[in-house]
Amino acid sequence: MSQSFDPPEFPGKVKFLIFGIPPSRKLGHKRGNFAEFARSIDINRKTLEGRLERSTLCAETQTILATKLGFRVDWPEWSTGSAAAFEERYTKEVPLLREAELAPEMVAPSRPSGRATLIYGGVAATLLLAVSFVFWEKAPVPHISQVRLFDESKSAIVPGSDADGANPQHTLTALEPRSSNNFEIKSAEKFFFAMGFVLNHLNVGKNGAMNVKFSVDGLSKDGVAWTEPGEYQYEDRWKEFDIAKSLGPSAVRQAFQLKEGEGFPIAVVIECKKWEELSKWNGAIRINIQDLNTGNKDQVHLQYLVNLAEPAMTDSGMEKCQAP
């Protein structure tokens, strides 16, 4: 699995590295001090802020964080798990120092004597929280997370799509992780794979109206080999893709461990490509989103990589399927 895309819940994981006791003792920075944290990992503060605000936590930043803070980017808890799971493993595997060596704020305080002490403590705590969370309370920006491949062997033909015996479209009968990302393309007619991802922090207008463009592109060495474009015009659009219609919206949410309102989970089947397109594909998949309601015309990109064997196809290709 490529580390060029952001781990799920990575803002929460990085927040733990900045505010948590074990990472602060490991790195030596003052807990909650973002500027000192950035200096300690030898990254300019503005550079680090920019990387964390983008849709992708790049491989370089992940490697620096892992090296400086004593974990590995191939930990499942980091690469695919939740922020809580990562915090739990980090806390267990990076030993805490003895109580006498802990930061003073972690040693049980004596009972305060007098009202003045209580007021001062409350004000200090409030100010600390206000300063510490300035970075994390910035307006969220659209981003893509939880990219994954599903097991395409758990599939069925969409009823009615093969009425004339040509170009059947597929859906899934279960959302199970694919055992590997190794692909071998033997024919364009039989080619398809299923993937999912979550679109986050998109602007929803009155009555659920949205204005989002997104696409899934297969890249070549010269550009784009194939593309699957789509539009997201209303809040429940994701429920109308074939997989969500086949399995139900709750099954799609469960696959991504999302609650109601936590992002827009997309589960789609990529298929019906021409031989000329597949023969140029180098295995890189780029997901793009553009939220036109924000007034920002820039697209947000995220890249995923599959291990693609050299295509060995002899068929002449096929027409593209109709979009759902």
Protein backbone atom coordinates (compact mmCIF):
# COMPACT_ATOMS: atom_id res chain seq x y z
CA MET A 1 0.00 0.00 0.00
CA SER A 2 1.34 3.39 -0.97
CA GLN A 3 2.00 5.88 1.80
CA SER A 4 1.24 8.79 -0.55
CA PHE A 5 -2.28 9.15 0.82
CA ASP A 6 -3.34 10.33 4.23
CA PRO A 7 -3.90 7.75 6.97
CA PRO A 8 -7.48 7.77 8.28
CA GLU A 9 -8.06 10.30 11.05
CA PHE A 10 -4.53 11.63 10.60
CA PRO A 11 -5.32 15.06 12.15
CA GLY A 12 -6.25 13.25 15.36
CA LYS A 13 -3.10 11.14 15.21
CA VAL A 14 -0.87 14.17 14.73
CA LYS A 15 -2.78 16.01 17.44
CA PHE A 16 -1.93 13.16 19.82
CA LEU A 17 1.75 13.42 18.83
CA ILE A 18 1.68 17.12 19.69
CA PHE A 19 -0.40 17.00 22.88
CA GLY A 20 0.22 13.48 24.21
CA ILE A 21 2.48 12.68 27.17
CA PRO A 22 4.44 9.75 25.64
CA PRO A 23 5.28 11.54 22.36
CA SER A 24 6.21 14.76 24.13
CA ARG A 25 8.63 12.85 26.37
CA LYS A 26 10.01 10.97 23.38
CA LEU A 27 10.55 14.07 21.25
CA GLY A 28 11.30 16.48 24.08
CA HIS A 29 8.90 19.23 23.03
CA LYS A 30 6.51 21.04 25.33
CA ARG A 31 3.10 19.43 25.12
CA GLY A 32 0.70 21.42 22.95
CA ASN A 33 3.36 23.83 21.68
CA PHE A 34 3.02 23.51 17.90
CA ALA A 35 5.97 25.76 17.07
CA GLU A 36 8.29 23.78 19.34
CA PHE A 37 6.95 20.51 17.93
CA ALA A 38 7.73 21.67 14.38
CA ARG A 39 11.26 22.74 15.38
CA SER A 40 11.85 19.40 17.08
CA ILE A 41 11.10 17.47 13.90
CA ASP A 42 13.13 19.93 11.79
CA ILE A 43 10.19 21.20 9.73
CA ASN A 44 9.31 24.87 9.33
CA ARG A 45 6.10 25.64 11.24
CA LYS A 46 4.28 27.12 8.24
CA THR A 47 5.43 24.24 6.07
CA LEU A 48 4.07 21.72 8.56
CA GLU A 49 0.79 23.63 8.94
CA GLY A 50 0.42 23.65 5.16
CA ARG A 51 1.00 19.91 4.90
CA LEU A 52 -1.52 19.18 7.64
CA GLU A 53 -4.15 21.43 6.07
CA ARG A 54 -3.93 19.74 2.67
CA SER A 55 -5.88 16.63 1.78
CA THR A 56 -2.78 14.46 1.89
CA LEU A 57 -0.20 13.77 4.58
CA CYS A 58 2.73 13.19 2.25
CA ALA A 59 5.10 10.26 2.60
CA GLU A 60 8.01 12.56 3.53
CA THR A 61 6.13 14.02 6.52
CA GLN A 62 4.95 10.59 7.65
CA THR A 63 8.50 9.27 7.56
CA ILE A 64 9.82 12.25 9.54
CA LEU A 65 7.11 11.87 12.19
CA ALA A 66 7.73 8.13 12.51
CA THR A 67 11.51 8.50 12.72
CA LYS A 68 11.47 11.33 15.26
CA LEU A 69 8.68 9.95 17.43
CA GLY A 70 9.55 6.27 17.49
CA PHE A 71 6.76 4.54 15.55
CA ARG A 72 6.54 2.98 12.08
CA VAL A 73 4.40 4.04 9.14
CA ASP A 74 3.58 0.37 8.45
CA TRP A 75 1.78 0.04 11.79
CA PRO A 76 -1.81 -0.86 10.85
CA GLU A 77 -2.95 1.53 13.57
CA TRP A 78 -1.17 4.38 11.73
CA SER A 79 -1.79 3.44 8.08
CA THR A 80 -5.38 2.16 8.27
CA GLY A 81 -6.59 2.36 11.89
CA SER A 82 -8.32 4.98 13.97
CA ALA A 83 -6.66 7.75 15.96
CA ALA A 84 -7.69 6.00 19.18
CA ALA A 85 -6.09 2.72 18.07
CA PHE A 86 -2.86 4.51 17.14
CA GLU A 87 -2.75 6.33 20.48
CA GLU A 88 -3.30 3.06 22.36
CA ARG A 89 -0.50 1.22 20.56
CA TYR A 90 1.91 4.15 20.79
CA THR A 91 1.29 4.46 24.51
CA LYS A 92 1.93 0.76 25.03
CA GLU A 93 5.04 0.46 22.87
CA VAL A 94 6.80 3.73 23.68
CA PRO A 95 7.53 3.36 27.41
CA LEU A 96 6.52 6.15 29.76
CA LEU A 97 9.15 7.51 32.09
CA ARG A 98 8.95 6.92 35.81
CA GLU A 99 6.51 9.15 37.69
CA ALA A 100 9.31 11.22 39.18
CA GLU A 101 10.48 12.10 35.66
CA LEU A 102 7.08 13.03 34.33
CA ALA A 103 6.18 16.61 33.52
CA PRO A 104 5.03 18.44 36.67
CA GLU A 105 1.46 18.74 35.39
CA MET A 106 1.18 14.94 35.41
CA VAL A 107 2.06 14.52 39.09
CA ALA A 108 -1.00 14.55 41.36
CA PRO A 109 -1.30 18.15 42.64
CA SER A 110 -1.82 19.02 46.27
CA ARG A 111 -5.22 20.41 47.21
CA PRO A 112 -5.27 24.15 46.45
CA SER A 113 -5.55 26.38 49.50
CA GLY A 114 -7.73 29.38 48.96
CA ARG A 115 -10.09 30.84 46.42
CA ALA A 116 -7.36 32.84 44.67
CA THR A 117 -5.51 29.67 43.76
CA LEU A 118 -8.62 28.12 42.28
CA ILE A 119 -9.36 31.19 40.16
CA TYR A 120 -5.80 31.43 38.92
CA GLY A 121 -5.75 27.76 38.04
CA GLY A 122 -8.98 28.06 36.11
CA VAL A 123 -7.81 31.08 34.13
CA ALA A 124 -4.48 29.44 33.34
CA ALA A 125 -6.16 26.27 32.15
CA THR A 126 -8.56 28.23 29.97
CA LEU A 127 -5.77 30.24 28.38
CA LEU A 128 -3.72 27.11 27.76
CA LEU A 129 -6.62 25.44 25.96
CA ALA A 130 -7.31 28.58 23.94
CA VAL A 131 -3.72 28.80 22.76
CA SER A 132 -3.23 25.09 22.25
CA PHE A 133 -6.24 24.55 19.99
CA VAL A 134 -5.91 27.58 17.72
CA PHE A 135 -4.35 25.44 14.99
CA TRP A 136 -6.97 22.69 15.24
CA GLU A 137 -9.95 25.04 15.13
CA LYS A 138 -9.16 26.46 11.71
CA ALA A 139 -11.96 26.09 9.19
CA PRO A 140 -11.84 22.54 7.80
CA VAL A 141 -10.96 22.14 4.16
CA PRO A 142 -12.25 19.48 1.77
CA HIS A 143 -10.15 16.36 1.76
CA ILE A 144 -10.20 12.68 0.78
CA SER A 145 -9.57 9.86 3.23
CA GLN A 146 -9.88 6.11 3.80
CA VAL A 147 -8.96 5.00 0.29
CA ARG A 148 -9.27 1.24 0.00
CA LEU A 149 -9.88 -1.62 -2.42
CA PHE A 150 -12.74 -4.06 -1.96
CA ASP A 151 -12.77 -7.75 -2.87
CA GLU A 152 -14.23 -7.80 -6.38
CA SER A 153 -14.85 -11.55 -6.19
CA LYS A 154 -17.87 -10.67 -3.99
CA SER A 155 -19.72 -9.36 -7.02
CA ALA A 156 -22.91 -9.68 -9.01
CA ILE A 157 -24.18 -8.27 -12.30
CA VAL A 158 -26.49 -5.28 -11.95
CA PRO A 159 -29.95 -6.48 -13.08
CA GLY A 160 -30.81 -5.17 -16.54
CA SER A 161 -27.29 -3.99 -17.38
CA ASP A 162 -26.63 -7.04 -19.58
CA ALA A 163 -29.98 -7.13 -21.33
CA ASP A 164 -28.37 -7.52 -24.73
CA GLY A 165 -25.54 -9.70 -23.46
CA ALA A 166 -22.93 -6.97 -23.81
CA ASN A 167 -21.11 -4.79 -21.31
CA PRO A 168 -22.63 -6.03 -18.04
CA GLN A 169 -22.11 -3.75 -15.06
CA HIS A 170 -21.18 -5.10 -11.64
CA THR A 171 -22.04 -4.39 -8.05
CA LEU A 172 -20.79 -6.01 -4.84
CA THR A 173 -22.55 -8.49 -2.60
CA ALA A 174 -20.28 -7.69 0.36
CA LEU A 175 -17.82 -4.96 1.28
CA GLU A 176 -14.76 -6.95 2.26
CA PRO A 177 -11.16 -5.70 1.98
CA ARG A 178 -9.18 -6.94 -0.97
CA SER A 179 -6.42 -9.31 0.12
CA SER A 180 -3.78 -7.49 -1.96
CA ASN A 181 -3.43 -4.72 -4.49
CA ASN A 182 -1.79 -6.89 -7.17
CA PHE A 183 -3.62 -6.75 -10.51
CA GLU A 184 -3.23 -8.64 -13.76
CA ILE A 185 -5.37 -7.48 -16.66
CA LYS A 186 -6.22 -10.26 -19.09
CA SER A 187 -9.07 -8.68 -21.03
CA ALA A 188 -10.93 -5.39 -21.14
CA GLU A 189 -14.30 -7.19 -21.08
CA LYS A 190 -13.54 -8.92 -17.79
CA PHE A 191 -11.71 -6.02 -16.18
CA PHE A 192 -13.23 -4.38 -13.13
CA PHE A 193 -12.27 -3.54 -9.57
CA ALA A 194 -14.07 -2.00 -6.62
CA MET A 195 -12.75 0.82 -4.50
CA GLY A 196 -13.94 3.20 -1.83
CA PHE A 197 -13.01 6.50 -0.24
CA VAL A 198 -14.55 9.21 1.90
CA LEU A 199 -15.08 12.84 0.89
CA ASN A 200 -14.82 15.14 3.91
CA HIS A 201 -15.82 18.71 4.77
CA LEU A 202 -17.85 19.41 1.64
CA ASN A 203 -20.19 22.39 1.60
CA VAL A 204 -23.89 21.50 1.95
CA GLY A 205 -26.38 24.21 1.06
CA LYS A 206 -30.09 24.68 1.64
CA ASN A 207 -32.13 21.47 1.31
CA GLY A 208 -28.92 19.43 0.97
CA ALA A 209 -27.81 21.03 -2.28
CA MET A 210 -24.16 20.56 -3.24
CA ASN A 211 -21.96 21.42 -6.19
CA VAL A 212 -19.03 19.03 -6.22
CA LYS A 213 -17.14 17.48 -9.10
CA PHE A 214 -15.02 14.40 -8.56
CA SER A 215 -13.24 11.81 -10.65
CA VAL A 216 -11.19 8.66 -10.37
CA ASP A 217 -8.33 8.62 -12.88
CA GLY A 218 -6.00 5.84 -13.90
CA LEU A 219 -2.67 7.46 -14.71
CA SER A 220 -0.12 6.74 -17.40
CA LYS A 221 3.45 7.93 -17.69
CA ASP A 222 2.23 10.72 -19.95
CA GLY A 223 -0.95 11.74 -18.13
CA VAL A 224 -4.36 10.10 -17.77
CA ALA A 225 -5.03 6.64 -19.21
CA TRP A 226 -8.69 6.39 -18.19
CA THR A 227 -11.10 8.41 -16.11
CA GLU A 228 -14.40 8.01 -14.27
CA PRO A 229 -15.97 11.46 -13.77
CA GLY A 230 -18.89 12.19 -11.48
CA GLU A 231 -20.92 15.03 -10.05
CA TYR A 232 -22.20 15.39 -6.51
CA GLN A 233 -25.25 17.63 -6.59
CA TYR A 234 -27.06 16.72 -3.37
CA GLU A 235 -26.26 15.34 0.05
CA ASP A 236 -27.52 11.78 -0.46
CA ARG A 237 -25.93 11.26 -3.87
CA TRP A 238 -23.60 8.57 -2.50
CA LYS A 239 -26.61 6.39 -1.65
CA GLU A 240 -27.49 6.11 -5.34
CA PHE A 241 -24.34 4.37 -6.54
CA ASP A 242 -24.86 0.71 -7.42
CA ILE A 243 -23.03 -0.70 -4.38
CA ALA A 244 -25.00 1.45 -1.92
CA LYS A 245 -28.25 0.51 -3.66
CA SER A 246 -27.33 -3.19 -3.57
CA LEU A 247 -26.11 -3.39 0.04
CA GLY A 248 -27.83 -0.43 1.62
CA PRO A 249 -26.37 2.86 2.91
CA SER A 250 -25.77 1.48 6.41
CA ALA A 251 -23.47 -1.24 5.04
CA VAL A 252 -21.38 1.39 3.24
CA ARG A 253 -21.14 3.54 6.38
CA GLN A 254 -20.15 0.49 8.41
CA ALA A 255 -17.36 -0.38 5.96
CA PHE A 256 -15.79 3.01 6.70
CA GLN A 257 -16.86 3.07 10.38
CA LEU A 258 -18.75 6.30 9.83
CA LYS A 259 -21.68 7.68 11.77
CA GLU A 260 -24.47 9.69 10.20
CA GLY A 261 -23.06 12.98 8.93
CA GLU A 262 -19.39 11.94 9.14
CA GLY A 263 -18.26 12.46 5.57
CA PHE A 264 -19.60 11.14 2.30
CA PRO A 265 -18.59 7.50 1.72
CA ILE A 266 -18.10 6.55 -1.92
CA ALA A 267 -18.01 2.88 -2.98
CA VAL A 268 -17.79 2.32 -6.73
CA VAL A 269 -16.89 -0.29 -9.32
CA ILE A 270 -14.41 0.76 -12.01
CA GLU A 271 -15.01 -1.16 -15.24
CA CYS A 272 -15.92 -0.99 -18.92
CA LYS A 273 -12.61 0.38 -20.14
CA LYS A 274 -11.12 0.20 -23.58
CA TRP A 275 -8.05 -1.86 -24.32
CA GLU A 276 -6.21 1.28 -25.41
CA GLU A 277 -6.86 2.86 -22.01
CA LEU A 278 -5.90 -0.13 -19.89
CA SER A 279 -2.71 -0.82 -21.84
CA LYS A 280 -1.41 2.65 -20.90
CA TRP A 281 -2.34 2.47 -17.21
CA ASN A 282 0.71 2.34 -14.91
CA GLY A 283 -1.20 1.37 -11.75
CA ALA A 284 -1.49 4.83 -10.23
CA ILE A 285 -5.00 5.97 -9.29
CA ARG A 286 -5.74 9.63 -8.64
CA ILE A 287 -8.90 10.79 -6.91
CA ASN A 288 -9.92 14.42 -7.46
CA ILE A 289 -12.58 16.57 -5.80
CA GLN A 290 -13.59 20.14 -6.47
CA ASP A 291 -16.16 21.82 -4.20
CA LEU A 292 -17.51 24.68 -6.27
CA ASN A 293 -19.71 25.99 -3.44
CA THR A 294 -16.64 27.10 -1.50
CA GLY A 295 -15.60 29.53 -4.21
CA ASN A 296 -12.26 27.71 -4.46
CA LYS A 297 -11.73 26.50 -8.01
CA ASP A 298 -8.69 24.40 -7.10
CA GLN A 299 -9.02 20.65 -7.11
CA VAL A 300 -7.92 18.46 -4.20
CA HIS A 301 -6.02 15.37 -5.26
CA LEU A 302 -5.11 12.11 -3.58
CA GLN A 303 -3.10 9.30 -5.18
CA TYR A 304 -3.22 5.55 -4.59
CA LEU A 305 -1.05 2.87 -6.16
CA VAL A 306 -1.79 -0.70 -7.19
CA ASN A 307 0.79 -3.23 -8.33
CA LEU A 308 -0.12 -3.72 -11.96
CA ALA A 309 1.27 -6.62 -13.98
CA GLU A 310 2.12 -5.94 -17.61
CA PRO A 311 -1.19 -6.16 -19.51
CA ALA A 312 -1.46 -9.18 -21.79
CA MET A 313 -4.61 -8.38 -23.72
CA THR A 314 -5.58 -9.33 -27.24
CA ASP A 315 -9.13 -7.98 -27.49
CA SER A 316 -9.88 -4.80 -29.41
CA GLY A 317 -11.67 -3.05 -26.59
CA MET A 318 -15.22 -2.05 -25.70
CA GLU A 319 -17.45 0.95 -25.32
CA LYS A 320 -17.61 2.58 -21.92
CA CYS A 321 -20.54 1.78 -19.63
CA GLN A 322 -23.06 4.41 -18.71
CA ALA A 323 -22.35 6.21 -15.44
CA PRO A 324 -24.72 5.40 -12.55
